[in-house]
Protein backbone atom coordinates (compact mmCIF):
# COMPACT_ATOMS: atom_id res chain seq x y z
CA UNK A 1 32.12 14.68 -46.23
CA UNK A 2 28.93 16.80 -46.12
CA UNK A 3 27.06 13.85 -44.59
CA UNK A 4 29.70 13.50 -41.90
CA UNK A 5 29.48 17.21 -41.11
CA UNK A 6 25.71 16.94 -40.96
CA UNK A 7 25.98 14.07 -38.49
CA UNK A 8 28.42 16.03 -36.30
CA UNK A 9 26.09 19.03 -36.41
CA UNK A 10 23.16 16.86 -35.39
CA UNK A 11 25.10 15.35 -32.51
CA UNK A 12 26.26 18.80 -31.42
CA UNK A 13 22.67 20.06 -31.27
CA UNK A 14 20.80 17.00 -30.06
CA UNK A 15 22.87 16.17 -26.97
CA UNK A 16 22.71 19.65 -25.38
CA UNK A 17 18.99 19.90 -26.19
CA UNK A 18 18.20 16.56 -24.56
CA UNK A 19 20.36 17.34 -21.53
CA UNK A 20 18.60 20.69 -21.17
CA UNK A 21 15.28 18.83 -21.22
CA UNK A 22 16.43 16.60 -18.35
CA UNK A 23 17.66 19.56 -16.30
CA UNK A 24 14.42 21.51 -16.84
CA UNK A 25 12.08 18.53 -16.39
CA UNK A 26 10.68 19.87 -13.06
CA UNK A 27 9.73 23.16 -14.70
CA UNK A 28 5.91 23.33 -14.76
CA UNK A 29 5.52 26.49 -16.84
CA UNK A 30 2.41 25.96 -18.93
CA UNK A 31 -0.40 27.65 -20.82
CA UNK A 32 -3.78 26.60 -19.46
CA UNK A 33 -6.46 26.24 -22.14
CA UNK A 34 -9.19 24.86 -19.94
CA UNK A 35 -9.67 24.10 -16.26
CA UNK A 36 -12.61 21.86 -15.39
CA UNK A 37 -14.92 22.36 -12.44
CA UNK A 38 -16.68 19.85 -10.23
CA UNK A 39 -19.11 20.86 -7.53
CA UNK A 40 -18.30 24.52 -8.19
CA UNK A 41 -14.60 23.94 -7.50
CA UNK A 42 -11.74 23.87 -10.02
CA UNK A 43 -10.13 20.43 -10.21
CA UNK A 44 -6.73 19.45 -11.59
CA UNK A 45 -7.94 16.28 -13.29
CA UNK A 46 -9.91 18.28 -15.83
CA UNK A 47 -7.14 20.69 -16.79
CA UNK A 48 -6.03 21.06 -20.41
CA UNK A 49 -2.60 22.73 -20.59
CA UNK A 50 0.53 22.86 -22.70
CA UNK A 51 3.84 22.61 -20.82
CA UNK A 52 7.00 24.37 -21.91
CA UNK A 53 8.86 21.08 -21.50
CA UNK A 54 6.46 19.47 -23.98
CA UNK A 55 7.59 22.00 -26.57
CA UNK A 56 11.22 21.34 -25.67
CA UNK A 57 10.66 17.58 -26.03
CA UNK A 58 9.06 18.20 -29.42
CA UNK A 59 12.11 20.25 -30.45
CA UNK A 60 14.39 17.37 -29.43
CA UNK A 61 12.31 14.97 -31.53
CA UNK A 62 12.38 17.30 -34.55
CA UNK A 63 16.18 17.59 -34.30
CA UNK A 64 16.44 13.79 -34.30
CA UNK A 65 14.16 13.52 -37.35
CA UNK A 66 15.88 16.24 -39.38
CA UNK A 67 19.43 15.08 -38.77
CA UNK A 68 18.90 11.33 -38.55
CA UNK A 69 21.56 9.15 -40.08
CA UNK A 70 20.97 5.62 -41.30
CA UNK A 71 22.35 3.25 -38.69
CA UNK A 72 22.69 -0.46 -38.17
CA UNK A 73 19.50 -2.38 -37.39
CA UNK A 74 18.57 -2.68 -33.73
CA UNK A 75 18.86 -6.10 -32.13
CA UNK A 76 15.82 -8.09 -31.05
CA UNK A 77 15.49 -6.74 -27.44
CA UNK A 78 15.60 -3.15 -28.67
CA UNK A 79 12.97 -3.91 -31.30
CA UNK A 80 10.80 -5.58 -28.64
CA UNK A 81 10.92 -2.42 -26.53
CA UNK A 82 9.87 -0.25 -29.46
CA UNK A 83 7.05 -2.65 -30.36
CA UNK A 84 5.81 -2.74 -26.77
CA UNK A 85 5.89 1.07 -26.65
CA UNK A 86 3.85 1.29 -29.83
CA UNK A 87 1.39 -1.34 -28.54
CA UNK A 88 0.87 0.63 -25.33
CA UNK A 89 0.27 3.79 -27.36
CA UNK A 90 -2.33 2.06 -29.56
CA UNK A 91 -4.16 0.49 -26.62
CA UNK A 92 -4.24 3.80 -24.75
CA UNK A 93 -5.62 5.54 -27.84
CA UNK A 94 -8.33 2.88 -28.14
CA UNK A 95 -9.17 3.33 -24.47
CA UNK A 96 -9.50 7.09 -24.97
CA UNK A 97 -11.70 6.50 -28.02
CA UNK A 98 -14.02 4.08 -26.21
CA UNK A 99 -14.29 6.38 -23.19
CA UNK A 100 -15.86 9.12 -25.33
CA UNK A 101 -14.09 11.83 -23.30
CA UNK A 102 -11.93 14.35 -25.14
CA UNK A 103 -9.76 14.77 -22.03
CA UNK A 104 -8.64 11.16 -22.38
CA UNK A 105 -6.55 12.12 -25.40
CA UNK A 106 -4.17 14.24 -23.30
CA UNK A 107 -2.31 11.19 -21.88
CA UNK A 108 -2.29 9.76 -25.41
CA UNK A 109 -0.37 12.83 -26.57
CA UNK A 110 2.07 12.36 -23.67
CA UNK A 111 2.58 8.74 -24.69
CA UNK A 112 3.09 9.72 -28.32
CA UNK A 113 5.74 12.27 -27.34
CA UNK A 114 7.29 9.66 -25.05
CA UNK A 115 7.52 7.00 -27.76
CA UNK A 116 9.03 9.49 -30.20
CA UNK A 117 11.47 10.62 -27.51
CA UNK A 118 12.58 7.02 -26.90
CA UNK A 119 13.19 6.60 -30.62
CA UNK A 120 15.04 9.94 -30.82
CA UNK A 121 17.39 9.09 -27.96
CA UNK A 122 17.92 5.48 -29.03
CA UNK A 123 19.02 6.42 -32.55
CA UNK A 124 21.48 8.88 -31.01
CA UNK A 125 23.57 6.12 -29.45
CA UNK A 126 26.56 8.46 -29.30
CA UNK A 127 24.77 10.41 -26.57
CA UNK A 128 26.99 10.02 -23.47
CA UNK A 129 25.03 8.80 -20.47
CA UNK A 130 27.51 10.75 -18.37
CA UNK A 131 26.26 13.99 -19.96
CA UNK A 132 22.71 13.06 -18.96
CA UNK A 133 23.95 12.40 -15.41
CA UNK A 134 25.54 15.86 -15.31
CA UNK A 135 22.27 17.42 -16.51
CA UNK A 136 20.23 15.60 -13.87
CA UNK A 137 22.73 16.54 -11.17
CA UNK A 138 22.62 20.20 -12.17
CA UNK A 139 18.83 20.26 -12.37
CA UNK A 140 18.62 18.58 -8.98
CA UNK A 141 21.02 21.10 -7.43
CA UNK A 142 18.80 23.99 -8.52
CA UNK A 143 15.71 22.27 -7.16
CA UNK A 144 17.51 21.40 -3.91
CA UNK A 145 18.51 25.03 -3.39
CA UNK A 146 14.90 26.10 -3.92
CA UNK A 147 13.69 23.33 -1.61
CA UNK A 148 16.07 24.48 1.11
CA UNK A 149 14.78 28.04 0.84
CA UNK A 150 11.14 26.92 0.89
CA UNK A 151 11.68 24.71 3.91
CA UNK A 152 13.63 27.42 5.75
CA UNK A 153 10.94 30.09 5.31
CA UNK A 154 8.09 27.53 5.44
CA UNK A 155 6.43 29.03 2.41
CA UNK A 156 6.17 28.39 -1.32
CA UNK A 157 5.78 31.67 -3.19
CA UNK A 158 3.62 31.71 -6.31
CA UNK A 159 5.27 32.43 -9.64
CA UNK A 160 3.27 32.27 -12.86
CA UNK A 161 6.36 32.09 -15.06
CA UNK A 162 7.64 29.01 -13.25
CA UNK A 163 4.17 27.52 -12.91
CA UNK A 164 4.39 27.49 -9.10
CA UNK A 165 1.32 27.91 -6.88
CA UNK A 166 1.47 29.38 -3.39
CA UNK A 167 1.58 26.94 -0.47
CA UNK A 168 1.39 27.89 3.20
CA UNK A 169 1.67 25.44 6.12
CA UNK A 170 -1.60 26.55 7.71
CA UNK A 171 -3.63 26.49 4.47
CA UNK A 172 -5.93 23.60 3.63
CA UNK A 173 -4.69 21.33 0.85
CA UNK A 174 -1.00 22.03 1.45
CA UNK A 175 1.28 19.02 1.91
CA UNK A 176 2.46 19.25 5.50
CA UNK A 177 3.55 16.97 8.33
CA UNK A 178 1.65 17.63 11.54
CA UNK A 179 3.59 16.99 14.75
CA UNK A 180 3.38 18.06 18.38
CA UNK A 181 5.62 21.00 17.53
CA UNK A 182 3.39 22.27 14.70
CA UNK A 183 2.86 21.88 10.96
CA UNK A 184 5.94 21.36 8.78
CA UNK A 185 5.67 22.46 5.17
CA UNK A 186 7.19 19.89 2.82
CA UNK A 187 9.40 21.29 0.04
CA UNK A 188 7.77 21.53 -3.40
CA UNK A 189 10.47 23.03 -5.62
CA UNK A 190 8.76 24.03 -8.88
CA UNK A 191 6.56 20.92 -8.91
CA UNK A 192 2.93 20.55 -7.79
CA UNK A 193 3.66 17.95 -5.08
CA UNK A 194 6.60 17.11 -2.77
CA UNK A 195 6.58 13.44 -3.82
CA UNK A 196 7.32 14.49 -7.39
CA UNK A 197 10.21 16.69 -6.26
CA UNK A 198 11.49 13.95 -3.96
CA UNK A 199 11.56 11.46 -6.83
CA UNK A 200 13.42 13.87 -9.13
CA UNK A 201 15.97 14.61 -6.41
CA UNK A 202 16.39 10.88 -5.71
CA UNK A 203 17.18 10.43 -9.40
CA UNK A 204 19.49 13.47 -9.36
CA UNK A 205 21.31 12.18 -6.26
CA UNK A 206 21.84 8.77 -7.87
CA UNK A 207 23.07 10.44 -11.07
CA UNK A 208 25.58 12.38 -8.94
CA UNK A 209 26.68 9.16 -7.22
CA UNK A 210 27.05 7.56 -10.65
CA UNK A 211 29.47 10.37 -11.55
CA UNK A 212 31.17 9.96 -8.17
CA UNK A 213 31.88 6.32 -9.04
CA UNK A 214 33.03 6.99 -12.59
CA UNK A 215 35.36 10.00 -12.24
CA UNK A 216 38.52 10.75 -10.29
CA UNK A 217 40.26 13.67 -8.62
CA UNK A 218 38.54 17.01 -8.09
CA UNK A 219 35.61 16.00 -10.24
CA UNK A 220 34.86 13.17 -7.81
CA UNK A 221 34.86 15.65 -4.92
CA UNK A 222 32.46 17.91 -6.83
CA UNK A 223 30.19 14.97 -7.69
CA UNK A 224 30.11 13.91 -4.04
CA UNK A 225 29.21 17.43 -2.94
CA UNK A 226 26.39 17.64 -5.49
CA UNK A 227 25.12 14.21 -4.40
CA UNK A 228 25.03 15.38 -0.78
CA UNK A 229 23.08 18.50 -1.76
CA UNK A 230 20.54 16.45 -3.72
CA UNK A 231 20.08 13.92 -0.90
CA UNK A 232 19.51 16.83 1.49
CA UNK A 233 16.91 18.30 -0.87
CA UNK A 234 15.20 14.92 -1.11
CA UNK A 235 15.04 14.79 2.67
CA UNK A 236 13.31 18.18 2.82
CA UNK A 237 10.42 16.78 0.76
CA UNK A 238 9.74 14.21 3.52
CA UNK A 239 8.64 11.82 0.78
CA UNK A 240 8.52 8.18 1.90
CA UNK A 241 8.23 6.85 -1.64
CA UNK A 242 11.26 8.89 -2.76
CA UNK A 243 13.34 7.51 0.12
CA UNK A 244 12.40 3.93 -0.76
CA UNK A 245 13.07 4.56 -4.45
CA UNK A 246 16.45 6.09 -3.62
CA UNK A 247 17.49 3.08 -1.52
CA UNK A 248 16.44 0.63 -4.26
CA UNK A 249 18.26 2.68 -6.90
CA UNK A 250 21.35 2.93 -4.70
CA UNK A 251 21.44 -0.85 -4.26
CA UNK A 252 21.20 -1.38 -8.03
CA UNK A 253 23.85 1.28 -8.72
CA UNK A 254 26.37 -0.15 -6.27
CA UNK A 255 25.75 -3.77 -7.30
CA UNK A 256 26.14 -2.88 -10.97
CA UNK A 257 29.33 -0.95 -10.32
CA UNK A 258 30.90 -3.84 -8.37
CA UNK A 259 29.90 -6.28 -11.10
CA UNK A 260 31.40 -4.21 -13.90
CA UNK A 261 34.43 -2.71 -12.12
CA UNK A 262 35.29 -5.82 -10.10
CA UNK A 263 37.57 -5.59 -7.09
CA UNK A 264 38.94 -2.24 -8.20
CA UNK A 265 35.51 -0.69 -7.69
CA UNK A 266 34.94 -1.84 -4.12
CA UNK A 267 36.69 1.13 -2.55
CA UNK A 268 34.57 3.55 -4.58
CA UNK A 269 31.44 1.68 -3.52
CA UNK A 270 32.40 1.97 0.15
CA UNK A 271 32.97 5.70 -0.29
CA UNK A 272 29.58 6.11 -2.00
CA UNK A 273 27.84 4.13 0.76
CA UNK A 274 29.57 6.17 3.44
CA UNK A 275 28.65 9.45 1.76
CA UNK A 276 24.99 8.44 1.33
CA UNK A 277 24.60 7.14 4.88
CA UNK A 278 26.29 10.21 6.35
CA UNK A 279 23.94 12.62 4.58
CA UNK A 280 20.88 10.47 5.35
CA UNK A 281 21.89 10.32 9.02
CA UNK A 282 22.36 14.10 9.12
CA UNK A 283 18.91 14.62 7.57
CA UNK A 284 17.38 12.18 10.08
CA UNK A 285 18.92 14.08 13.00
CA UNK A 286 17.88 17.50 11.72
CA UNK A 287 14.32 16.45 10.83
CA UNK A 288 13.82 13.68 13.38
CA UNK A 289 10.35 14.85 14.52
CA UNK A 290 8.56 15.18 11.16
CA UNK A 291 10.55 12.29 9.68
CA UNK A 292 9.55 9.96 12.52
CA UNK A 293 5.93 11.01 12.08
CA UNK A 294 6.10 10.20 8.36
CA UNK A 295 7.76 6.83 8.88
CA UNK A 296 5.47 5.63 11.67
CA UNK A 297 2.32 7.27 10.20
CA UNK A 298 1.19 8.21 13.71
CA UNK A 299 0.00 11.75 13.04
CA UNK A 300 -3.60 12.71 12.35
CA UNK A 301 -2.93 13.71 8.75
CA UNK A 302 -0.81 10.61 8.16
CA UNK A 303 -3.63 8.32 9.28
CA UNK A 304 -6.09 10.14 7.03
CA UNK A 305 -3.68 9.79 4.11
CA UNK A 306 -3.18 6.06 4.67
CA UNK A 307 -6.92 5.43 5.04
CA UNK A 308 -7.77 7.36 1.88
CA UNK A 309 -5.18 5.42 -0.12
CA UNK A 310 -6.55 2.12 1.15
CA UNK A 311 -10.06 3.23 0.13
CA UNK A 312 -8.77 3.84 -3.39
CA UNK A 313 -8.26 0.10 -3.89
CA UNK A 314 -11.97 -0.54 -3.39
CA UNK A 315 -12.81 2.26 -5.82
CA UNK A 316 -10.34 0.88 -8.35
CA UNK A 317 -11.84 -2.61 -8.20
CA UNK A 318 -15.33 -1.19 -8.75
CA UNK A 319 -14.15 0.68 -11.85
CA UNK A 320 -12.31 -2.38 -13.20
CA UNK A 321 -15.50 -4.43 -12.97
CA UNK A 322 -17.31 -1.62 -14.76
CA UNK A 323 -14.94 -1.62 -17.76
CA UNK A 324 -12.44 -4.50 -17.54
CA UNK A 325 -10.90 -4.71 -21.01
CA UNK A 326 -10.09 -1.12 -22.05
CA UNK A 327 -10.70 0.69 -18.77
CA UNK A 328 -12.52 3.92 -18.04
CA UNK A 329 -10.16 5.96 -20.22
CA UNK A 330 -6.65 7.40 -19.69
CA UNK A 331 -6.60 10.12 -17.05
CA UNK A 332 -10.26 9.52 -16.17
CA UNK A 333 -10.12 7.61 -12.87
CA UNK A 334 -10.84 10.68 -10.68
CA UNK A 335 -13.68 11.77 -12.96
CA UNK A 336 -15.13 8.25 -13.20
CA UNK A 337 -14.96 7.86 -9.42
CA UNK A 338 -16.69 11.21 -8.95
CA UNK A 339 -19.54 10.68 -11.40
CA UNK A 340 -20.04 6.91 -11.20
CA UNK A 341 -19.20 6.01 -7.61
CA UNK A 342 -19.60 9.40 -5.87
CA UNK A 343 -17.78 8.11 -2.79
CA UNK A 344 -16.44 11.44 -1.50
CA UNK A 345 -17.94 14.73 -0.43
CA UNK A 346 -15.12 17.06 -1.47
CA UNK A 347 -14.04 17.38 -5.13
CA UNK A 348 -10.34 17.41 -4.22
CA UNK A 349 -10.64 13.98 -2.59
CA UNK A 350 -11.01 12.30 -5.99
CA UNK A 351 -7.54 11.19 -7.06
CA UNK A 352 -5.92 8.47 -9.15
CA UNK A 353 -5.00 5.40 -7.12
CA UNK A 354 -1.49 5.60 -5.69
CA UNK A 355 -0.31 2.44 -7.42
CA UNK A 356 1.00 2.58 -10.97
CA UNK A 357 0.06 -0.90 -12.28
CA UNK A 358 -3.43 -0.76 -10.81
CA UNK A 359 -3.98 2.76 -12.15
CA UNK A 360 -3.06 1.56 -15.64
CA UNK A 361 -5.44 -1.38 -15.18
CA UNK A 362 -8.28 0.96 -14.19
CA UNK A 363 -7.72 3.48 -16.98
CA UNK A 364 -6.67 1.26 -19.89
CA UNK A 365 -8.03 -2.11 -18.80
CA UNK A 366 -6.52 -5.57 -18.88
CA UNK A 367 -5.25 -5.04 -22.43
CA UNK A 368 -3.44 -1.85 -21.43
CA UNK A 369 -1.89 -3.44 -18.34
CA UNK A 370 -0.58 -6.36 -20.41
CA UNK A 371 0.97 -3.93 -22.92
CA UNK A 372 2.56 -1.88 -20.13
CA UNK A 373 3.93 -4.97 -18.36
CA UNK A 374 5.39 -6.20 -21.66
CA UNK A 375 7.15 -2.85 -22.07
CA UNK A 376 8.49 -2.79 -18.51
CA UNK A 377 9.70 -6.39 -18.64
CA UNK A 378 11.42 -5.73 -21.98
CA UNK A 379 13.20 -2.72 -20.51
CA UNK A 380 14.25 -4.52 -17.34
CA UNK A 381 15.44 -7.54 -19.29
CA UNK A 382 17.50 -5.32 -21.56
CA UNK A 383 18.96 -3.33 -18.66
CA UNK A 384 19.80 -6.33 -16.47
CA UNK A 385 21.32 -8.22 -19.40
CA UNK A 386 23.51 -5.23 -20.30
CA UNK A 387 24.85 -4.98 -16.75
CA UNK A 388 25.37 -8.74 -16.33
CA UNK A 389 27.28 -8.91 -19.61
CA UNK A 390 29.38 -5.91 -18.55
CA UNK A 391 28.34 -3.72 -21.47
CA UNK A 392 30.07 -0.73 -19.90
CA UNK A 393 29.72 1.51 -16.88
CA UNK A 394 27.21 3.75 -18.64
CA UNK A 395 24.72 0.89 -18.90
CA UNK A 396 24.09 1.08 -15.13
CA UNK A 397 22.48 4.52 -14.79
CA UNK A 398 19.45 4.04 -17.10
CA UNK A 399 18.53 0.84 -15.23
CA UNK A 400 18.89 2.69 -11.93
CA UNK A 401 16.58 5.48 -13.09
CA UNK A 402 13.93 3.00 -14.23
CA UNK A 403 14.12 1.10 -10.94
CA UNK A 404 13.56 4.33 -8.99
CA UNK A 405 10.52 5.28 -11.07
CA UNK A 406 9.00 1.79 -10.91
CA UNK A 407 9.55 1.61 -7.15
CA UNK A 408 7.98 5.02 -6.59
CA UNK A 409 5.14 3.92 -8.88
CA UNK A 410 4.12 1.31 -6.32
CA UNK A 411 3.24 4.15 -3.92
CA UNK A 412 2.23 7.01 -6.23
CA UNK A 413 0.52 7.75 -9.53
CA UNK A 414 2.35 10.66 -11.16
CA UNK A 415 4.65 8.47 -13.27
CA UNK A 416 1.55 7.77 -15.38
CA UNK A 417 -0.84 10.61 -14.55
CA UNK A 418 1.46 13.59 -15.23
CA UNK A 419 3.58 14.81 -18.11
CA UNK A 420 6.51 15.18 -15.70
CA UNK A 421 6.37 11.50 -14.77
CA UNK A 422 5.96 10.39 -18.38
CA UNK A 423 8.93 12.53 -19.39
CA UNK A 424 11.19 10.92 -16.80
CA UNK A 425 10.06 7.40 -17.69
CA UNK A 426 10.49 7.71 -21.44
CA UNK A 427 13.77 9.63 -21.16
CA UNK A 428 15.18 6.87 -18.93
CA UNK A 429 13.95 4.24 -21.40
CA UNK A 430 15.60 6.09 -24.28
CA UNK A 431 18.89 6.32 -22.37
CA UNK A 432 18.77 2.57 -21.78
CA UNK A 433 18.30 1.84 -25.48
CA UNK A 434 21.02 4.34 -26.39
CA UNK A 435 23.52 2.68 -24.04
CA UNK A 436 22.71 -0.76 -25.47
CA UNK A 437 23.11 0.42 -29.06
CA UNK A 438 26.39 2.12 -28.13
CA UNK A 439 27.63 -1.17 -26.70
CA UNK A 440 26.68 -2.99 -29.91
CA UNK A 441 28.44 -0.32 -31.97
CA UNK A 442 31.62 -0.98 -29.96
CA UNK A 443 31.29 -4.73 -30.60
CA UNK A 444 30.49 -5.36 -26.95
CA UNK A 445 27.88 -8.07 -26.34
CA UNK A 446 24.78 -6.57 -24.72
């Protein structure tokens, strides 16, 4: 009896803590220990800081360790995911060691927290995926409200407690869309870049649509309203990668729902499609000028952005040839480009390449890329197999979240180069493993 009470206590603490972590994921409150300088200018790629969400993730892990109950052994696909995660962690640590740069150990710490978080969530297979969807929807709603305010006043006000820097549309370095009518400030929320906010809101919108498909009555109406708010917030970021990720995730969500629910789910799918298209159409009409500029890449700033991203591929290839097997070190591509290649005049022009697989190849080498691909393929295989074998409606959402992040990763770098991106990736992976283990516990083939 005491063991049963202990397990109930653990479940009662762990689930709210993990859901709180998902809702507060965009919070960038941090304590900065060290900020590096290059050419007399402070640069982000040399910053050493501790995020509040890192401490919250650590608390979630500690709860899982303290109240862990012995459970049935994981099946082979789940074990393969855990092994691939550990292999990626080891290779990244070796890359940091060979690079000789202390800053390279920061991503290693992120990976360590991520691996432990995956384990923590996976052993808590009673964690309802629906609760995670509610947390993401709520977190997205708060960010969407802030995005709407920022876009309306065309200003991001600094707040040290939220970790938000000031951004003005006429200031250099601010993410804007330049059109004939002027400069449009893209919404940031509490994150350092609109693409990061756009991705989180794409995930939040899909989580809301997941709830829309899985509930009935007034709760469905509420879920649809929250989904519309999150899609609107995503539109205010004017993030192309977030839009593409949202469409890919939406296709996976609807296909999975039809496969699992059968004919009875077709009406819900049509309603979800209609809701999504209506909101997207409304956003397109309201923001037609900056949105058209972003899509066609015809503006001056858009052309500069595209050209700089194309140049990054040449820089990446040069660095791969320099250190092919273990890379230049995790988190060190901007620094290596600055000191080894010296291709730019301004310090802020040195950035990680906006392509996730190639960035991992540059920073951790061929060995690291192989380990990462093994992890991703294991996750996708597990997720697709769970949906195809109809392991339950809750098996759809984790696969959707991973597909969004991987799609965005083809056009951006933050999924690997930031704690925020790592947190989303590993949390989604943990939810996938938890849903699979829950299906096994219910004697459902997965």
